[in-house]
Amino acid sequence: MLLHLSIRDFAIVDRLELEFRPGFTALTGETGAGKSILIDALSLTLGDRAGSEQVRSGAERADVTAEFAIDPLPGIGDWLHEHALEGDPNRLLLRRVVDSNGRSRAFINGHAATINQMREAGDRLVDIHGQHAHQSLLRPEAQRLVLDSHAGLAALAEETGGAHREWQRLRRARLDHENNAAARDAEREQLGWQLEELSRLALAPGEWEAIQSEHGRLAHAATLMEGVRDAIDSLSESENAALGVLSGVLSRLRPLTEFDGSLRDTIAVLESGEAQLREAAYALRHYADRIELDPKRLRDVEQRLEAVHNAARKFRARPEALPELLASLRARVKDLEMTADLEALAAQEQAARSRYGELAARLSAERSKAATKLAREVNAAMKELAMSGGRFEVELRSLLPDGSVAGNEQVEFLVATNPGAEPRALAKVASGGELSRISLAIQVITSRAAAVPTLIFDEVDAGIGGAVAEVVGRKLKTLGGERQVLCVTHLPQVAAQAREQWSVSKGSESGSARSRVAVLDQKSRIEEIARMLGGVAITATTRRHAAEMLGLR
């Protein structure tokens, strides 16, 4: 569960340190005080998009760190080990830093991490239901994800999608083969003579550079021999050779050190030079012994150079690139040979189609059972939320024969809000308030099946009130008995059901807006519930009403 949230220079928050407890916690406060900003800050550590607008005005960067207890969570330790992100075995730290230019950095347990890794970790820790979740619920894709997630079918759905993509890839390859057979035959013929010529040339990697160097030596062997011999004579073999002259200089200087020891440094330098000259003379003699005057080898090398040059011009490639070109031509021929067998390709396509069919059939059967169960649970919840005359159904519309990456059916939520009415698509029937209640019912139901320890509801109670709001509060309280629940709410009926209540307020400091958070004791909680009930003017009546509501807990 979430233990601690540290926020620095985020939006209108300059500095906040928040400690969290188990159970249901309500976050309340006036509109614009920054309640949802706290959720936005937490979402940043879970891999949400970062932007320069999140950095508090005048600050260089925003810095948010969330600490979670992970000891009861299965699998997350293995995931951290797999990605080399281990830290305290019982704690997990997620940190996000956003610079004023919008660039961000992510850290997991102090290790630099990718945003995808941060999202993967966040998905195991927190499930956020936003205030606009009912809007996304109108999309068929979102409805399918809700059903699959609630039924634990996400892995099977992903495997089915992969099987469909493979089937379609092989189908396109088979059609491409049928439609482009003549073009492939022409390409194979052209590749045939190109391969034959380059294979006959057989230029090895690095050979071009080697024969160029060898040609330089052979073509200038006489010049090289003459120059090296002259150098050897000047160094060691002529009457006035450098080594002889230097040896004489040293012979004259060494006795002088008896009179002035400072000459020893100069003599040492000259002795070092003498040793280097002897080494150079030896290397030149060795080089001279290797110089060959070989006209036949020179002709062979020149013919090889000409053959490589001719091939390079013909294939419009650099000479040194010809070995790589030969390898690529061989790979292309292999690809063409692999697709040449139409019967084999068709058999692969059929096998992929069969595999997709088996997976999709399993997915359809599980979805059918899950649709019935989800509809039954949502209908029960709708009665509790003052929609007793309504009816909710999950329709699975067939997409056969070809199916899709999502399986053999399209999932669509249908609802009838009045008794006797025929259920129709959610987007076409429900009003704003009804849609909010249906969405909340679905979110509460699907949250029970989630494996994550922390659930966050960000103003999901918009559009409801009165007795319905009290039911919503009780449902969130029930959820809080099983896991950690945080709810941003403007309804006193919901807040009164919470185990703990925080008040978020906005003030001014140095001419800038600042958000502040206070954990409410019993007295201040009565005042906050009374404010939520009665507005600015809080009376004794609203305080009594607030106290009564808190007594319902």
Protein backbone atom coordinates (compact mmCIF):
# COMPACT_ATOMS: atom_id res chain seq x y z
CA MET A 1 0.00 0.00 0.00
CA LEU A 2 0.97 3.66 -0.33
CA LEU A 3 2.87 4.83 2.76
CA HIS A 4 4.29 8.26 1.97
CA LEU A 5 4.10 10.93 -0.73
CA SER A 6 6.66 13.74 -0.94
CA ILE A 7 5.84 16.64 -3.29
CA ARG A 8 8.18 19.53 -4.16
CA ASP A 9 7.26 22.44 -6.47
CA PHE A 10 4.44 20.65 -8.27
CA ALA A 11 1.66 22.86 -9.74
CA ILE A 12 0.57 25.07 -6.80
CA VAL A 13 2.20 22.83 -4.17
CA ASP A 14 5.53 24.10 -2.88
CA ARG A 15 6.25 21.36 -0.34
CA LEU A 16 4.10 18.58 1.09
CA GLU A 17 4.90 15.44 3.10
CA LEU A 18 1.91 13.09 3.36
CA GLU A 19 1.66 9.89 5.44
CA PHE A 20 -1.04 7.37 4.43
CA ARG A 21 -2.87 4.73 6.44
CA PRO A 22 -4.86 1.61 5.51
CA GLY A 23 -8.59 1.78 4.91
CA PHE A 24 -10.78 4.46 3.34
CA THR A 25 -9.46 8.05 3.35
CA ALA A 26 -11.49 10.94 1.95
CA LEU A 27 -9.86 14.06 0.49
CA THR A 28 -12.16 17.08 0.65
CA GLY A 29 -11.91 20.83 0.18
CA GLU A 30 -13.33 23.68 -1.80
CA THR A 31 -13.30 23.60 -5.59
CA GLY A 32 -9.91 24.67 -6.90
CA ALA A 33 -8.09 23.95 -3.64
CA GLY A 34 -5.92 21.31 -5.30
CA LYS A 35 -7.50 17.99 -4.28
CA SER A 36 -6.95 16.40 -7.69
CA ILE A 37 -3.45 17.91 -7.87
CA LEU A 38 -2.38 15.40 -5.20
CA ILE A 39 -3.64 12.57 -7.40
CA ASP A 40 -1.89 14.12 -10.40
CA ALA A 41 1.37 14.24 -8.44
CA LEU A 42 1.05 10.59 -7.46
CA SER A 43 0.15 9.69 -11.06
CA LEU A 44 3.44 11.26 -12.17
CA THR A 45 5.34 8.65 -10.12
CA LEU A 46 3.22 5.95 -11.78
CA GLY A 47 4.40 6.91 -15.28
CA ASP A 48 1.88 9.54 -16.39
CA ARG A 49 2.86 12.18 -18.97
CA ALA A 50 5.13 14.95 -17.69
CA GLY A 51 5.05 18.58 -18.83
CA SER A 52 6.58 21.94 -17.99
CA GLU A 53 3.19 23.19 -16.78
CA GLN A 54 3.50 20.81 -13.80
CA VAL A 55 6.48 22.74 -12.42
CA ARG A 56 5.48 25.42 -9.91
CA SER A 57 5.91 28.94 -11.27
CA GLY A 58 9.39 30.24 -10.45
CA ALA A 59 10.82 26.79 -9.59
CA GLU A 60 13.53 24.96 -11.53
CA ARG A 61 11.96 21.52 -11.25
CA ALA A 62 9.16 19.49 -9.71
CA ASP A 63 10.15 16.48 -7.60
CA VAL A 64 7.66 13.80 -6.45
CA THR A 65 8.50 10.61 -4.52
CA ALA A 66 6.04 7.88 -3.51
CA GLU A 67 6.89 5.14 -1.02
CA PHE A 68 4.99 1.84 -1.01
CA ALA A 69 4.95 -1.21 1.25
CA ILE A 70 5.46 -4.22 -1.03
CA ASP A 71 6.13 -7.15 1.33
CA PRO A 72 2.64 -8.69 0.85
CA LEU A 73 2.65 -8.33 -2.94
CA PRO A 74 3.46 -11.49 -4.93
CA GLY A 75 5.77 -11.21 -7.92
CA ILE A 76 6.94 -7.63 -7.55
CA GLY A 77 10.24 -8.66 -5.94
CA ASP A 78 11.00 -10.92 -8.91
CA TRP A 79 10.08 -8.10 -11.31
CA LEU A 80 12.46 -5.69 -9.55
CA HIS A 81 15.25 -8.29 -9.60
CA GLU A 82 14.67 -9.01 -13.30
CA HIS A 83 15.11 -5.29 -14.11
CA ALA A 84 18.00 -4.75 -11.64
CA LEU A 85 15.92 -2.26 -9.63
CA GLU A 86 16.08 -3.86 -6.18
CA GLY A 87 16.14 -1.88 -2.96
CA ASP A 88 14.65 -2.49 0.49
CA PRO A 89 12.82 -5.84 0.18
CA ASN A 90 9.81 -4.43 2.05
CA ARG A 91 9.65 -0.96 0.47
CA LEU A 92 9.52 0.50 -3.03
CA LEU A 93 10.40 4.10 -3.92
CA LEU A 94 9.12 5.68 -7.13
CA ARG A 95 10.54 9.14 -7.91
CA ARG A 96 9.93 11.48 -10.83
CA VAL A 97 11.75 14.76 -11.50
CA VAL A 98 10.40 17.21 -14.10
CA ASP A 99 12.56 20.13 -15.23
CA SER A 100 11.10 23.51 -16.16
CA ASN A 101 11.71 22.69 -19.84
CA GLY A 102 9.38 19.68 -19.56
CA ARG A 103 12.05 16.97 -19.59
CA SER A 104 11.65 14.32 -16.92
CA ARG A 105 13.70 11.62 -15.20
CA ALA A 106 12.40 8.48 -13.50
CA PHE A 107 13.91 6.52 -10.61
CA ILE A 108 12.90 3.24 -8.97
CA ASN A 109 14.59 2.53 -5.64
CA GLY A 110 17.17 5.17 -6.54
CA HIS A 111 18.04 3.49 -9.85
CA ALA A 112 17.48 5.34 -13.12
CA ALA A 113 14.46 3.76 -14.85
CA THR A 114 12.43 4.11 -18.02
CA ILE A 115 8.89 5.51 -18.03
CA ASN A 116 7.62 2.11 -19.20
CA GLN A 117 9.26 0.45 -16.18
CA MET A 118 7.67 3.06 -13.92
CA ARG A 119 4.26 2.33 -15.50
CA GLU A 120 4.74 -1.42 -15.05
CA ALA A 121 5.57 -0.94 -11.39
CA GLY A 122 2.65 1.47 -10.94
CA ASP A 123 0.19 -0.98 -12.50
CA ARG A 124 1.08 -3.45 -9.74
CA LEU A 125 0.58 -0.90 -6.96
CA VAL A 126 -2.24 1.54 -7.71
CA ASP A 127 -5.51 1.53 -9.65
CA ILE A 128 -6.82 5.06 -10.34
CA HIS A 129 -10.42 5.68 -11.35
CA GLY A 130 -10.58 9.24 -12.64
CA GLN A 131 -13.49 11.65 -12.64
CA HIS A 132 -13.85 11.25 -16.41
CA ALA A 133 -13.82 7.44 -16.34
CA HIS A 134 -17.50 7.42 -17.33
CA GLN A 135 -16.56 9.21 -20.57
CA SER A 136 -13.98 6.60 -21.54
CA LEU A 137 -16.52 3.93 -20.61
CA LEU A 138 -18.50 4.95 -23.70
CA ARG A 139 -15.78 3.52 -25.98
CA PRO A 140 -16.14 -0.15 -27.00
CA GLU A 141 -12.41 -0.70 -26.45
CA ALA A 142 -12.68 0.50 -22.84
CA GLN A 143 -15.73 -1.71 -22.27
CA ARG A 144 -13.84 -4.77 -23.56
CA LEU A 145 -10.89 -3.99 -21.26
CA VAL A 146 -13.24 -3.67 -18.26
CA LEU A 147 -14.79 -7.08 -18.97
CA ASP A 148 -11.46 -8.82 -19.61
CA SER A 149 -9.81 -7.26 -16.56
CA HIS A 150 -12.72 -8.16 -14.28
CA ALA A 151 -12.65 -11.77 -15.51
CA GLY A 152 -8.85 -12.12 -15.40
CA LEU A 153 -8.69 -12.60 -19.17
CA ALA A 154 -6.05 -9.98 -20.01
CA ALA A 155 -3.29 -12.54 -20.65
CA LEU A 156 -5.52 -14.77 -22.80
CA ALA A 157 -6.74 -11.72 -24.74
CA GLU A 158 -3.16 -10.61 -25.39
CA GLU A 159 -2.18 -14.11 -26.59
CA THR A 160 -5.23 -14.19 -28.84
CA GLY A 161 -4.32 -10.81 -30.31
CA GLY A 162 -0.79 -12.01 -31.05
CA ALA A 163 -2.15 -15.13 -32.78
CA HIS A 164 -4.45 -12.99 -34.94
CA ARG A 165 -1.59 -10.71 -35.97
CA GLU A 166 0.56 -13.72 -36.94
CA TRP A 167 -2.29 -15.22 -38.97
CA GLN A 168 -2.81 -11.93 -40.82
CA ARG A 169 0.94 -11.56 -41.44
CA LEU A 170 1.09 -14.98 -43.09
CA ARG A 171 -2.11 -14.24 -45.00
CA ARG A 172 -0.58 -11.06 -46.43
CA ALA A 173 2.61 -12.96 -47.32
CA ARG A 174 0.61 -15.61 -49.18
CA LEU A 175 -1.39 -12.99 -51.09
CA ASP A 176 1.78 -11.09 -51.88
CA HIS A 177 3.32 -14.28 -53.23
CA GLU A 178 0.31 -14.93 -55.44
CA ASN A 179 0.16 -11.36 -56.75
CA ASN A 180 3.88 -10.82 -57.28
CA ALA A 181 5.16 -14.16 -58.55
CA ALA A 182 6.37 -12.73 -61.90
CA ALA A 183 8.26 -9.88 -60.20
CA ARG A 184 9.95 -12.34 -57.83
CA ASP A 185 10.99 -14.59 -60.72
CA ALA A 186 12.61 -11.62 -62.48
CA GLU A 187 14.36 -10.58 -59.26
CA ARG A 188 15.65 -14.12 -58.70
CA GLU A 189 17.07 -14.20 -62.25
CA GLN A 190 18.88 -10.88 -61.75
CA LEU A 191 20.20 -11.97 -58.38
CA GLY A 192 21.49 -15.18 -59.97
CA TRP A 193 24.06 -13.51 -62.26
CA GLN A 194 24.96 -10.93 -59.63
CA LEU A 195 25.70 -13.67 -57.12
CA GLU A 196 27.66 -15.67 -59.70
CA GLU A 197 29.90 -12.70 -60.54
CA LEU A 198 30.53 -11.64 -56.95
CA SER A 199 31.08 -15.23 -55.85
CA ARG A 200 33.64 -15.67 -58.63
CA LEU A 201 35.39 -12.49 -57.49
CA ALA A 202 35.36 -13.84 -53.90
CA LEU A 203 36.62 -10.64 -52.30
CA ALA A 204 37.16 -11.34 -48.62
CA PRO A 205 36.43 -8.75 -45.89
CA GLY A 206 39.54 -6.60 -45.43
CA GLU A 207 41.19 -7.92 -48.60
CA TRP A 208 40.76 -4.65 -50.51
CA GLU A 209 42.78 -2.69 -47.97
CA ALA A 210 45.42 -5.45 -47.85
CA ILE A 211 46.01 -5.62 -51.62
CA GLN A 212 46.18 -1.83 -51.87
CA SER A 213 48.91 -1.80 -49.24
CA GLU A 214 50.74 -4.68 -50.93
CA HIS A 215 50.56 -2.96 -54.32
CA GLY A 216 52.09 0.16 -52.84
CA ARG A 217 55.03 -1.84 -51.52
CA LEU A 218 55.57 -3.87 -54.70
CA ALA A 219 55.22 -0.91 -57.11
CA HIS A 220 57.79 1.13 -55.20
CA ALA A 221 60.10 -1.65 -54.02
CA ALA A 222 63.25 -0.23 -55.71
CA THR A 223 62.59 3.27 -54.36
CA LEU A 224 61.93 1.88 -50.90
CA MET A 225 65.11 -0.23 -50.97
CA GLU A 226 67.29 2.70 -52.06
CA GLY A 227 65.83 5.07 -49.45
CA VAL A 228 66.11 2.59 -46.59
CA ARG A 229 69.73 1.71 -47.50
CA ASP A 230 70.66 5.40 -47.54
CA ALA A 231 69.08 5.82 -44.13
CA ILE A 232 70.98 2.81 -42.71
CA ASP A 233 74.27 4.19 -44.08
CA SER A 234 73.60 7.60 -42.51
CA LEU A 235 72.75 6.05 -39.17
CA SER A 236 75.43 3.40 -38.73
CA GLU A 237 77.53 2.36 -41.73
CA SER A 238 79.05 5.44 -43.43
CA GLU A 239 82.27 7.18 -42.34
CA ASN A 240 80.35 10.00 -40.66
CA ALA A 241 77.34 7.91 -39.49
CA ALA A 242 75.17 9.45 -36.79
CA LEU A 243 75.80 6.66 -34.30
CA GLY A 244 79.56 7.01 -34.67
CA VAL A 245 79.43 10.76 -34.22
CA LEU A 246 77.19 10.43 -31.15
CA SER A 247 79.43 7.74 -29.67
CA GLY A 248 82.39 10.08 -30.04
CA VAL A 249 80.54 12.91 -28.33
CA LEU A 250 79.72 10.67 -25.38
CA SER A 251 83.33 9.50 -25.12
CA ARG A 252 84.47 13.11 -24.79
CA LEU A 253 81.77 14.14 -22.29
CA ARG A 254 81.88 11.25 -19.81
CA PRO A 255 85.33 12.12 -18.30
CA LEU A 256 84.15 15.71 -17.76
CA THR A 257 81.66 14.61 -15.10
CA GLU A 258 84.57 14.42 -12.66
CA PHE A 259 84.73 18.22 -12.82
CA ASP A 260 81.00 18.99 -13.13
CA GLY A 261 78.41 16.39 -12.15
CA SER A 262 75.56 18.39 -13.74
CA LEU A 263 76.67 17.04 -17.12
CA ARG A 264 75.32 13.63 -16.16
CA ASP A 265 71.75 14.65 -17.07
CA THR A 266 72.83 15.74 -20.55
CA ILE A 267 74.85 12.54 -21.01
CA ALA A 268 71.79 10.49 -20.00
CA VAL A 269 69.72 12.19 -22.70
CA LEU A 270 72.39 11.51 -25.32
CA GLU A 271 72.70 7.86 -24.20
CA SER A 272 68.94 7.45 -24.56
CA GLY A 273 69.14 8.93 -28.06
CA GLU A 274 72.00 6.57 -28.93
CA ALA A 275 69.90 3.57 -27.85
CA GLN A 276 66.93 4.75 -29.92
CA LEU A 277 69.11 5.30 -32.99
CA ARG A 278 70.52 1.77 -32.68
CA GLU A 279 66.96 0.42 -32.40
CA ALA A 280 65.89 2.41 -35.48
CA ALA A 281 68.91 1.15 -37.47
CA TYR A 282 68.04 -2.45 -36.52
CA ALA A 283 64.39 -1.96 -37.58
CA LEU A 284 65.45 -0.51 -40.94
CA ARG A 285 67.78 -3.46 -41.64
CA HIS A 286 64.93 -5.85 -40.83
CA TYR A 287 62.58 -3.89 -43.15
CA ALA A 288 65.20 -3.92 -45.96
CA ASP A 289 65.49 -7.72 -45.70
CA ARG A 290 61.71 -8.02 -46.31
CA ILE A 291 61.52 -5.78 -49.39
CA GLU A 292 60.84 -7.94 -52.44
CA LEU A 293 61.53 -7.09 -56.06
CA ASP A 294 58.83 -9.41 -57.52
CA PRO A 295 57.48 -8.27 -60.92
CA LYS A 296 55.22 -11.34 -61.27
CA ARG A 297 53.52 -10.75 -57.92
CA LEU A 298 53.13 -7.09 -58.83
CA ARG A 299 51.28 -8.03 -62.05
CA ASP A 300 49.01 -10.44 -60.13
CA VAL A 301 48.13 -7.77 -57.58
CA GLU A 302 47.43 -5.18 -60.30
CA GLN A 303 45.09 -7.63 -62.07
CA ARG A 304 43.27 -8.25 -58.78
CA LEU A 305 42.88 -4.52 -58.18
CA GLU A 306 41.47 -4.05 -61.68
CA ALA A 307 38.95 -6.87 -61.21
CA VAL A 308 37.72 -5.38 -57.95
CA HIS A 309 37.49 -1.90 -59.48
CA ASN A 310 35.44 -3.25 -62.41
CA ALA A 311 33.01 -5.05 -60.08
CA ALA A 312 32.63 -1.98 -57.88
CA ARG A 313 31.73 0.16 -60.91
CA LYS A 314 29.25 -2.41 -62.20
CA PHE A 315 27.46 -2.75 -58.86
CA ARG A 316 27.82 0.97 -58.00
CA ALA A 317 29.41 0.19 -54.68
CA ARG A 318 32.64 1.02 -52.89
CA PRO A 319 35.26 -1.72 -53.42
CA GLU A 320 35.51 -2.40 -49.69
CA ALA A 321 31.68 -2.83 -49.53
CA LEU A 322 31.53 -5.70 -52.06
CA PRO A 323 31.79 -8.52 -49.44
CA GLU A 324 28.84 -7.02 -47.51
CA LEU A 325 26.87 -6.68 -50.76
CA LEU A 326 27.47 -10.37 -51.51
CA ALA A 327 26.13 -11.33 -48.07
CA SER A 328 22.99 -9.19 -48.53
CA LEU A 329 22.32 -10.70 -51.97
CA ARG A 330 22.60 -14.20 -50.52
CA ALA A 331 20.17 -13.25 -47.73
CA ARG A 332 17.67 -11.88 -50.25
CA VAL A 333 17.87 -15.05 -52.34
CA LYS A 334 17.21 -17.06 -49.17
CA ASP A 335 14.13 -14.92 -48.41
CA LEU A 336 12.82 -15.48 -51.93
CA GLU A 337 13.38 -19.21 -51.64
CA MET A 338 11.52 -19.30 -48.34
CA THR A 339 8.46 -17.65 -49.93
CA ALA A 340 8.75 -19.60 -53.15
CA ASP A 341 6.79 -22.59 -51.86
CA LEU A 342 3.18 -21.45 -52.03
CA GLU A 343 1.88 -24.70 -50.56
CA ALA A 344 4.17 -24.40 -47.53
CA LEU A 345 3.13 -20.78 -47.04
CA ALA A 346 -0.56 -21.68 -47.23
CA ALA A 347 -0.01 -24.47 -44.70
CA GLN A 348 1.65 -22.04 -42.29
CA GLU A 349 -1.23 -19.62 -42.72
CA GLN A 350 -3.77 -22.35 -42.00
CA ALA A 351 -1.89 -23.45 -38.88
CA ALA A 352 -1.80 -19.86 -37.61
CA ARG A 353 -5.51 -19.48 -38.35
CA SER A 354 -6.29 -22.65 -36.43
CA ARG A 355 -4.27 -21.49 -33.44
CA TYR A 356 -6.10 -18.16 -33.44
CA GLY A 357 -9.42 -19.99 -33.72
CA GLU A 358 -8.68 -22.16 -30.68
CA LEU A 359 -7.56 -19.23 -28.54
CA ALA A 360 -10.44 -17.00 -29.67
CA ALA A 361 -12.96 -19.76 -28.93
CA ARG A 362 -11.59 -20.12 -25.39
CA LEU A 363 -11.69 -16.35 -24.94
CA SER A 364 -15.28 -16.17 -26.23
CA ALA A 365 -16.45 -18.88 -23.83
CA GLU A 366 -14.82 -17.14 -20.85
CA ARG A 367 -16.17 -13.76 -21.92
CA SER A 368 -19.69 -15.17 -22.19
CA LYS A 369 -19.56 -16.40 -18.58
CA ALA A 370 -17.94 -13.19 -17.39
CA ALA A 371 -20.53 -11.02 -19.22
CA THR A 372 -23.39 -12.76 -17.41
CA LYS A 373 -21.67 -12.39 -14.04
CA LEU A 374 -20.74 -8.71 -14.57
CA ALA A 375 -24.27 -7.85 -15.71
CA ARG A 376 -25.76 -9.52 -12.63
CA GLU A 377 -23.44 -7.63 -10.28
CA VAL A 378 -23.96 -4.26 -11.99
CA ASN A 379 -27.75 -4.69 -11.97
CA ALA A 380 -27.63 -5.35 -8.23
CA ALA A 381 -25.50 -2.27 -7.70
CA MET A 382 -27.82 -0.13 -9.87
CA LYS A 383 -30.72 -0.97 -7.55
CA GLU A 384 -28.71 0.26 -4.61
CA LEU A 385 -27.91 3.45 -6.54
CA ALA A 386 -31.60 4.34 -7.08
CA MET A 387 -31.84 2.81 -10.57
CA SER A 388 -34.06 -0.11 -9.63
CA GLY A 389 -36.04 0.12 -12.87
CA GLY A 390 -32.95 -0.06 -15.02
CA ARG A 391 -31.26 -3.03 -16.63
CA PHE A 392 -27.63 -3.54 -17.63
CA GLU A 393 -26.43 -6.09 -20.18
CA VAL A 394 -23.12 -7.01 -21.79
CA GLU A 395 -23.55 -7.83 -25.48
CA LEU A 396 -20.97 -9.89 -27.34
CA ARG A 397 -21.40 -9.08 -31.03
CA SER A 398 -19.79 -11.64 -33.36
CA LEU A 399 -16.98 -10.56 -35.67
CA LEU A 400 -16.71 -13.91 -37.44
CA PRO A 401 -15.43 -15.23 -39.77
CA ASP A 402 -12.20 -13.22 -39.58
CA GLY A 403 -12.34 -12.02 -35.98
CA SER A 404 -9.94 -9.31 -34.84
CA VAL A 405 -6.95 -8.75 -32.59
CA ALA A 406 -9.51 -8.39 -29.79
CA GLY A 407 -11.08 -11.79 -30.46
CA ASN A 408 -14.21 -13.06 -32.20
CA GLU A 409 -16.58 -10.51 -30.68
CA GLN A 410 -17.02 -6.84 -29.94
CA VAL A 411 -17.97 -6.10 -26.35
CA GLU A 412 -20.67 -3.49 -25.84
CA PHE A 413 -22.41 -2.37 -22.66
CA LEU A 414 -26.17 -1.90 -23.04
CA VAL A 415 -28.51 -0.24 -20.56
CA ALA A 416 -32.20 0.46 -20.12
CA THR A 417 -32.87 3.19 -17.57
CA ASN A 418 -36.65 2.73 -17.44
CA PRO A 419 -38.73 -0.38 -16.72
CA GLY A 420 -39.77 -2.24 -19.87
CA ALA A 421 -37.40 -0.32 -22.14
CA GLU A 422 -35.15 -2.22 -24.53
CA PRO A 423 -31.48 -1.99 -23.55
CA ARG A 424 -29.47 0.18 -25.93
CA ALA A 425 -25.86 1.32 -26.21
CA LEU A 426 -24.65 3.12 -23.09
CA ALA A 427 -23.73 6.26 -25.01
CA LYS A 428 -27.23 6.60 -26.52
CA VAL A 429 -29.37 6.07 -23.43
CA ALA A 430 -27.89 7.24 -20.13
CA SER A 431 -28.00 10.82 -18.90
CA GLY A 432 -24.99 12.39 -17.20
CA GLY A 433 -26.12 11.46 -13.68
CA GLU A 434 -27.19 7.97 -14.69
CA LEU A 435 -23.94 7.41 -16.53
CA SER A 436 -21.98 8.50 -13.44
CA ARG A 437 -23.85 6.00 -11.27
CA ILE A 438 -23.44 3.14 -13.75
CA SER A 439 -19.77 3.94 -14.16
CA LEU A 440 -19.26 4.03 -10.39
CA ALA A 441 -21.04 0.69 -9.97
CA ILE A 442 -18.77 -0.88 -12.60
CA GLN A 443 -15.64 0.64 -11.08
CA VAL A 444 -16.45 -0.55 -7.55
CA ILE A 445 -17.29 -4.06 -8.79
CA THR A 446 -14.23 -4.41 -10.99
CA SER A 447 -11.98 -2.97 -8.27
CA ARG A 448 -12.83 -5.90 -5.99
CA ALA A 449 -11.22 -8.24 -8.50
CA ALA A 450 -8.10 -6.14 -8.91
CA ALA A 451 -4.87 -7.39 -7.39
CA VAL A 452 -3.48 -3.93 -6.64
CA PRO A 453 -3.46 -2.89 -2.96
CA THR A 454 -4.36 0.80 -3.44
CA LEU A 455 -7.48 2.12 -5.15
CA ILE A 456 -7.99 5.82 -5.88
CA PHE A 457 -11.31 7.38 -6.85
CA ASP A 458 -10.95 10.94 -8.14
CA GLU A 459 -14.39 12.63 -7.96
CA VAL A 460 -16.13 9.59 -9.46
CA ASP A 461 -19.22 10.59 -7.46
CA ALA A 462 -19.88 13.61 -9.71
CA GLY A 463 -23.54 13.90 -10.72
CA ILE A 464 -25.02 12.07 -7.71
CA GLY A 465 -26.21 13.12 -4.27
CA GLY A 466 -28.60 12.44 -1.39
CA ALA A 467 -29.29 8.83 -0.43
CA VAL A 468 -27.39 7.56 -3.48
CA ALA A 469 -24.26 9.35 -2.28
CA GLU A 470 -24.60 7.60 1.08
CA VAL A 471 -24.73 4.23 -0.69
CA VAL A 472 -21.61 5.16 -2.64
CA GLY A 473 -19.86 6.05 0.61
CA ARG A 474 -20.81 2.70 2.16
CA LYS A 475 -19.47 0.85 -0.87
CA LEU A 476 -16.16 2.69 -0.67
CA LYS A 477 -16.07 1.98 3.08
CA THR A 478 -16.57 -1.73 2.37
CA LEU A 479 -13.74 -1.63 -0.15
CA GLY A 480 -11.60 0.11 2.46
CA GLY A 481 -11.96 -2.92 4.71
CA GLU A 482 -10.18 -5.01 2.09
CA ARG A 483 -7.53 -2.60 0.82
CA GLN A 484 -6.36 1.02 0.88
CA VAL A 485 -8.90 3.41 -0.70
CA LEU A 486 -8.38 7.12 -1.37
CA CYS A 487 -11.31 9.17 -2.65
CA VAL A 488 -11.40 12.79 -3.75
CA THR A 489 -15.00 13.84 -3.11
CA HIS A 490 -17.23 16.87 -2.77
CA LEU A 491 -20.08 14.91 -1.15
CA PRO A 492 -20.44 14.95 2.66
CA GLN A 493 -22.33 11.62 2.52
CA VAL A 494 -19.26 9.97 1.01
CA ALA A 495 -16.68 11.73 3.18
CA ALA A 496 -18.58 10.83 6.37
CA GLN A 497 -18.07 7.11 5.64
CA ALA A 498 -14.27 7.44 5.53
CA ARG A 499 -12.02 6.17 8.29
CA GLU A 500 -9.87 9.28 7.93
CA GLN A 501 -10.51 12.64 6.29
CA TRP A 502 -8.04 15.16 4.89
CA SER A 503 -8.88 18.75 4.07
CA VAL A 504 -7.13 20.37 1.12
CA SER A 505 -7.08 24.18 1.13
CA LYS A 506 -5.52 26.88 -1.01
CA GLY A 507 -3.87 29.98 0.40
CA SER A 508 -1.56 32.73 -0.80
CA GLU A 509 2.13 33.11 -0.02
CA SER A 510 4.36 35.84 -1.51
CA GLY A 511 1.61 36.60 -4.02
CA SER A 512 1.37 32.98 -5.27
CA ALA A 513 -1.29 30.32 -4.65
CA ARG A 514 -0.27 27.39 -2.42
CA SER A 515 -2.06 24.14 -1.57
CA ARG A 516 -2.07 22.82 1.99
CA VAL A 517 -3.29 19.48 3.42
CA ALA A 518 -4.49 18.89 6.99
CA VAL A 519 -5.48 15.57 8.62
CA LEU A 520 -8.73 16.36 10.43
CA ASP A 521 -9.46 15.46 14.03
CA GLN A 522 -13.02 14.85 15.15
CA LYS A 523 -13.85 18.51 15.83
CA SER A 524 -12.38 19.88 12.61
CA ARG A 525 -13.96 17.01 10.69
CA ILE A 526 -17.39 18.06 11.92
CA GLU A 527 -16.62 21.60 10.71
CA GLU A 528 -15.53 20.32 7.27
CA ILE A 529 -18.61 18.08 6.85
CA ALA A 530 -20.78 21.02 7.95
CA ARG A 531 -19.11 23.24 5.35
CA MET A 532 -19.77 20.63 2.69
CA LEU A 533 -23.42 20.49 3.78
CA GLY A 534 -24.14 24.17 4.22
CA GLY A 535 -21.57 26.22 2.33
CA VAL A 536 -19.88 29.30 3.78
CA ALA A 537 -22.39 30.03 6.59
CA ILE A 538 -22.04 27.12 9.02
CA THR A 539 -24.85 26.96 11.60
CA ALA A 540 -25.45 24.90 14.71
CA THR A 541 -27.96 22.87 12.71
CA THR A 542 -25.45 21.94 10.02
CA ARG A 543 -22.91 21.03 12.72
CA ARG A 544 -25.43 18.70 14.41
CA HIS A 545 -26.25 17.18 11.04
CA ALA A 546 -22.53 16.68 10.35
CA ALA A 547 -22.02 15.04 13.73
CA GLU A 548 -24.97 12.72 13.08
CA MET A 549 -23.54 11.74 9.71
CA LEU A 550 -20.16 10.95 11.24
CA GLY A 551 -21.95 8.87 13.88
CA LEU A 552 -23.20 6.60 11.10
CA ARG A 553 -19.70 5.23 10.64
